Amino acid sequence: MNSELNLAYTTRDKSVMTISQLPLLFFIGLSLTTLFALISGCEKSVSMEDRPVALAEELSQPRETPVAQEDGGLEVVTLGSGCFWCTEAVFRELKGVKSAVSGYSGGKVDNPTYKAVCSGTTGHAEVIQVTFDPQQIAFTDILKAFWETHDPTTLNRQGADVGTQYRSAIFYHNEKQKEEAASYKKQLDASGQFKSPIVTEITKFEKFYPAENYHQDYFKLNPENQYCQYVIRPKLEKFRSKFADKLKKAEPEKE
């Protein structure tokens, strides 16, 4: 990319542009466009072609879903660790996880839309609501996957995604979850696994609002999206390698 930028500066300084330079300039422009798309975060990685359904759904506010019932021995926890496209893709692969729904939690506005949450004014975090079977996966393994698949030391930020909506957060649904999360966090800080203190908030769950339909299962349904290709896929591959013994049987991916 440095060589491309040097060529761009050289071309810009010339007073005469020859026809032979046009293909090179086009290639440089395309490369820079791709770079800007990757560093701009989830919001801008949805192209206008992807937006018609999204815009229509944002006009009619999403309904609050009932809190998942812990029937049949199932348990629920709500987690925020940056862009929910990434988090959902990770947790859907864990053995014992029955569902991972992208949405919003921890805010002060009822029925928020994606656009409102991205403005940073509603107080919500992008989260996933995870329903899991504790007989198949321990809550400590849920916490391990949570803390090891994002940076919990950066306040209100994950990579290029900046804002309170991208904060690291655990919204616990019962006192046992609260105690285990606090204990695990304390152990991690004491272990020195992270160079800086963990800033993950551990807060009592209140409400969860599911995100608009086009956010659900985003990675699986949009494999060619640039954000999916260059951000989510490498993260998922690293996760699969590290948590190989905790994964469901892999489903064949679309070519």
Protein backbone atom coordinates (compact mmCIF):
# COMPACT_ATOMS: atom_id res chain seq x y z
CA MET A 1 0.00 0.00 0.00
CA ASN A 2 2.97 2.39 0.66
CA SER A 3 4.16 1.98 -2.92
CA GLU A 4 0.66 2.70 -4.17
CA LEU A 5 0.51 5.90 -2.10
CA ASN A 6 3.94 7.02 -3.33
CA LEU A 7 2.81 6.55 -6.93
CA ALA A 8 -0.33 8.53 -6.15
CA TYR A 9 1.67 11.45 -4.78
CA THR A 10 4.06 11.35 -7.73
CA THR A 11 1.22 11.45 -10.22
CA ARG A 12 -0.53 14.26 -8.38
CA ASP A 13 2.61 16.43 -8.57
CA LYS A 14 2.90 16.13 -12.33
CA SER A 15 1.35 18.91 -14.36
CA VAL A 16 0.52 16.71 -17.36
CA MET A 17 -1.37 13.41 -17.16
CA THR A 18 -0.76 10.95 -19.94
CA ILE A 19 -3.28 8.39 -21.15
CA SER A 20 -0.97 5.59 -20.07
CA GLN A 21 -1.31 6.71 -16.44
CA LEU A 22 -5.09 6.29 -16.33
CA PRO A 23 -5.17 2.51 -15.61
CA LEU A 24 -2.66 2.98 -12.79
CA LEU A 25 -4.67 5.83 -11.27
CA PHE A 26 -7.85 3.78 -11.50
CA PHE A 27 -6.15 0.89 -9.67
CA ILE A 28 -4.84 3.25 -6.95
CA GLY A 29 -8.25 4.79 -6.49
CA LEU A 30 -9.87 1.36 -6.19
CA SER A 31 -7.27 0.27 -3.61
CA LEU A 32 -7.80 3.38 -1.49
CA THR A 33 -11.57 2.96 -1.68
CA THR A 34 -11.23 -0.59 -0.38
CA LEU A 35 -8.98 0.58 2.47
CA PHE A 36 -11.39 3.30 3.55
CA ALA A 37 -14.27 0.82 3.48
CA LEU A 38 -12.40 -1.51 5.81
CA ILE A 39 -11.38 1.11 8.38
CA SER A 40 -14.74 2.82 8.51
CA GLY A 41 -16.45 0.13 10.61
CA CYS A 42 -19.70 -1.76 10.28
CA GLU A 43 -21.92 1.23 9.52
CA LYS A 44 -20.29 2.12 6.20
CA SER A 45 -19.68 -1.47 5.12
CA VAL A 46 -23.36 -1.75 4.24
CA SER A 47 -23.59 -0.43 0.67
CA MET A 48 -26.57 1.46 -0.65
CA GLU A 49 -27.53 -1.67 -2.57
CA ASP A 50 -27.84 -3.48 0.75
CA ARG A 51 -29.88 -0.74 2.37
CA PRO A 52 -33.44 -0.81 0.91
CA VAL A 53 -34.67 -3.45 3.35
CA ALA A 54 -32.71 -1.85 6.17
CA LEU A 55 -34.18 1.59 5.57
CA ALA A 56 -37.69 0.20 5.35
CA GLU A 57 -37.28 -1.64 8.64
CA GLU A 58 -35.82 1.39 10.38
CA LEU A 59 -38.95 3.35 9.54
CA SER A 60 -40.96 0.84 11.56
CA GLN A 61 -39.17 0.43 14.88
CA PRO A 62 -38.20 -3.10 15.89
CA ARG A 63 -40.27 -4.64 18.65
CA GLU A 64 -38.81 -5.67 21.95
CA THR A 65 -38.74 -9.45 22.10
CA PRO A 66 -39.70 -11.24 25.31
CA VAL A 67 -36.74 -12.10 27.47
CA ALA A 68 -35.70 -15.63 26.55
CA GLN A 69 -37.07 -18.03 29.12
CA GLU A 70 -34.66 -20.37 30.82
CA ASP A 71 -36.95 -23.35 30.25
CA GLY A 72 -35.73 -26.85 29.63
CA GLY A 73 -32.48 -26.11 31.44
CA LEU A 74 -31.43 -23.39 28.97
CA GLU A 75 -29.71 -20.20 30.12
CA VAL A 76 -29.45 -16.71 28.62
CA VAL A 77 -26.73 -14.05 28.74
CA THR A 78 -26.32 -10.80 26.81
CA LEU A 79 -22.84 -9.81 25.60
CA GLY A 80 -21.34 -6.74 23.94
CA SER A 81 -17.89 -6.87 22.37
CA GLY A 82 -17.93 -4.49 19.41
CA CYS A 83 -19.66 -5.05 16.09
CA PHE A 84 -22.37 -7.67 16.58
CA TRP A 85 -21.73 -9.11 13.10
CA CYS A 86 -18.41 -10.46 14.45
CA THR A 87 -19.72 -11.58 17.83
CA GLU A 88 -22.72 -13.38 16.40
CA ALA A 89 -20.58 -15.28 13.88
CA VAL A 90 -18.29 -16.49 16.67
CA PHE A 91 -20.90 -17.61 19.20
CA ARG A 92 -23.13 -19.37 16.69
CA GLU A 93 -20.32 -21.92 16.26
CA LEU A 94 -19.99 -22.89 19.92
CA LYS A 95 -21.29 -26.30 20.89
CA GLY A 96 -24.18 -25.87 23.31
CA VAL A 97 -25.21 -22.44 22.03
CA LYS A 98 -28.79 -22.69 20.79
CA SER A 99 -29.09 -19.17 19.41
CA ALA A 100 -27.20 -15.88 19.16
CA VAL A 101 -29.38 -12.91 18.22
CA SER A 102 -27.90 -9.52 17.32
CA GLY A 103 -29.46 -6.52 19.01
CA TYR A 104 -29.17 -3.61 21.41
CA SER A 105 -29.04 -3.45 25.22
CA GLY A 106 -28.02 -1.14 28.04
CA GLY A 107 -29.62 2.03 26.70
CA LYS A 108 -32.22 4.57 27.77
CA VAL A 109 -34.38 4.73 24.63
CA ASP A 110 -37.17 2.30 23.82
CA ASN A 111 -37.16 0.45 20.48
CA PRO A 112 -33.91 1.94 19.10
CA THR A 113 -32.98 1.65 15.43
CA TYR A 114 -29.50 0.84 14.14
CA LYS A 115 -29.07 4.41 12.92
CA ALA A 116 -29.99 5.80 16.34
CA VAL A 117 -27.67 3.40 18.16
CA CYS A 118 -24.79 4.26 15.80
CA SER A 119 -25.25 7.94 16.68
CA GLY A 120 -24.12 7.09 20.21
CA THR A 121 -27.01 9.02 21.76
CA THR A 122 -29.25 6.15 22.94
CA GLY A 123 -26.80 4.59 25.40
CA HIS A 124 -27.18 1.14 23.87
CA ALA A 125 -24.39 -1.27 23.10
CA GLU A 126 -24.38 -3.59 20.11
CA VAL A 127 -24.87 -6.99 21.70
CA ILE A 128 -25.82 -10.57 21.08
CA GLN A 129 -28.31 -12.39 23.27
CA VAL A 130 -26.99 -15.91 23.72
CA THR A 131 -29.19 -18.84 24.68
CA PHE A 132 -27.14 -21.87 25.69
CA ASP A 133 -27.40 -25.25 27.36
CA PRO A 134 -25.20 -25.29 30.50
CA GLN A 135 -25.17 -29.09 30.30
CA GLN A 136 -23.26 -28.80 27.02
CA ILE A 137 -21.19 -25.68 27.61
CA ALA A 138 -20.19 -24.12 30.93
CA PHE A 139 -20.76 -20.41 31.51
CA THR A 140 -17.01 -20.06 32.09
CA ASP A 141 -16.45 -21.27 28.52
CA ILE A 142 -18.90 -18.63 27.31
CA LEU A 143 -16.85 -16.04 29.23
CA LYS A 144 -13.59 -17.42 27.85
CA ALA A 145 -14.85 -17.12 24.27
CA PHE A 146 -16.16 -13.63 25.02
CA TRP A 147 -12.97 -12.23 26.52
CA GLU A 148 -10.59 -13.93 24.08
CA THR A 149 -12.33 -12.77 20.89
CA HIS A 150 -12.16 -9.00 21.44
CA ASP A 151 -9.98 -6.44 23.20
CA PRO A 152 -11.61 -5.79 26.59
CA THR A 153 -9.03 -3.13 27.53
CA THR A 154 -10.04 -0.44 25.04
CA LEU A 155 -12.81 1.79 26.39
CA ASN A 156 -15.70 2.26 23.96
CA ARG A 157 -13.68 0.96 21.03
CA GLN A 158 -12.97 -2.15 19.00
CA GLY A 159 -10.50 -1.55 16.18
CA ALA A 160 -11.89 1.10 13.86
CA ASP A 161 -15.32 0.96 15.55
CA VAL A 162 -15.41 3.80 18.07
CA GLY A 163 -18.24 4.84 20.38
CA THR A 164 -20.13 3.71 23.48
CA GLN A 165 -22.18 1.39 21.26
CA TYR A 166 -19.04 -0.73 20.81
CA ARG A 167 -18.19 -1.02 24.51
CA SER A 168 -17.21 -4.28 26.15
CA ALA A 169 -20.11 -5.39 28.34
CA ILE A 170 -21.69 -8.36 30.07
CA PHE A 171 -25.37 -7.96 30.91
CA TYR A 172 -25.94 -10.74 33.42
CA HIS A 173 -29.34 -12.40 33.85
CA ASN A 174 -28.85 -13.84 37.33
CA GLU A 175 -26.60 -13.50 40.36
CA LYS A 176 -24.61 -16.62 39.50
CA GLN A 177 -23.61 -15.10 36.14
CA LYS A 178 -22.69 -11.85 37.90
CA GLU A 179 -20.42 -13.62 40.40
CA GLU A 180 -18.75 -15.83 37.79
CA ALA A 181 -18.16 -12.91 35.42
CA ALA A 182 -16.67 -10.72 38.18
CA SER A 183 -14.46 -13.57 39.39
CA TYR A 184 -13.25 -14.40 35.86
CA LYS A 185 -12.51 -10.72 35.15
CA LYS A 186 -10.49 -10.46 38.37
CA GLN A 187 -8.51 -13.59 37.49
CA LEU A 188 -7.73 -12.28 34.01
CA ASP A 189 -6.50 -8.96 35.37
CA ALA A 190 -4.30 -10.76 37.90
CA SER A 191 -2.91 -13.14 35.27
CA GLY A 192 -1.43 -10.40 33.13
CA GLN A 193 -2.97 -11.90 30.00
CA PHE A 194 -3.81 -8.38 28.90
CA LYS A 195 -1.26 -5.58 29.11
CA SER A 196 -3.86 -3.07 30.30
CA PRO A 197 -6.71 -3.39 32.81
CA ILE A 198 -9.99 -4.89 31.57
CA VAL A 199 -12.71 -2.24 31.20
CA THR A 200 -15.62 -4.61 30.55
CA GLU A 201 -18.74 -3.44 32.36
CA ILE A 202 -20.70 -6.09 34.24
CA THR A 203 -24.27 -4.84 34.49
CA LYS A 204 -27.65 -6.30 35.35
CA PHE A 205 -29.69 -7.08 32.26
CA GLU A 206 -32.81 -4.98 31.73
CA LYS A 207 -34.01 -5.01 28.13
CA PHE A 208 -32.96 -6.45 24.80
CA TYR A 209 -34.12 -5.17 21.43
CA PRO A 210 -33.38 -7.37 18.40
CA ALA A 211 -31.57 -5.62 15.56
CA GLU A 212 -33.22 -5.22 12.17
CA ASN A 213 -33.51 -8.44 10.14
CA TYR A 214 -30.66 -7.62 7.77
CA HIS A 215 -28.20 -7.75 10.71
CA GLN A 216 -29.12 -11.29 11.73
CA ASP A 217 -26.68 -14.01 10.61
CA TYR A 218 -24.92 -11.31 8.61
CA PHE A 219 -21.64 -13.13 8.01
CA LYS A 220 -23.29 -16.28 6.69
CA LEU A 221 -25.66 -14.37 4.39
CA ASN A 222 -23.10 -11.84 3.12
CA PRO A 223 -19.82 -13.75 2.70
CA GLU A 224 -18.55 -11.48 -0.09
CA ASN A 225 -18.99 -8.26 1.90
CA GLN A 226 -15.57 -6.60 2.37
CA TYR A 227 -15.98 -6.32 6.14
CA CYS A 228 -16.85 -10.02 6.29
CA GLN A 229 -13.89 -11.00 4.12
CA TYR A 230 -11.18 -8.87 5.74
CA VAL A 231 -12.34 -8.48 9.35
CA ILE A 232 -14.76 -11.23 10.36
CA ARG A 233 -13.32 -14.19 8.43
CA PRO A 234 -9.75 -13.92 9.83
CA LYS A 235 -11.17 -13.48 13.33
CA LEU A 236 -13.39 -16.52 12.88
CA GLU A 237 -10.54 -18.65 11.56
CA LYS A 238 -8.41 -17.74 14.57
CA PHE A 239 -11.31 -18.56 16.89
CA ARG A 240 -11.90 -21.93 15.21
CA SER A 241 -8.27 -22.86 15.68
CA LYS A 242 -8.18 -21.89 19.36
CA PHE A 243 -11.56 -23.33 20.34
CA ALA A 244 -11.57 -26.41 18.09
CA ASP A 245 -12.76 -28.72 20.87
CA LYS A 246 -15.72 -26.45 21.69
CA LEU A 247 -17.21 -26.14 18.21
CA LYS A 248 -20.28 -27.63 16.62
CA LYS A 249 -19.76 -29.76 13.54
CA ALA A 250 -18.77 -27.37 10.79
CA GLU A 251 -21.30 -26.64 8.07
CA PRO A 252 -19.90 -26.40 4.53
CA GLU A 253 -19.45 -22.76 3.53
CA LYS A 254 -20.74 -21.28 0.31
CA GLU A 255 -18.15 -20.98 -2.40
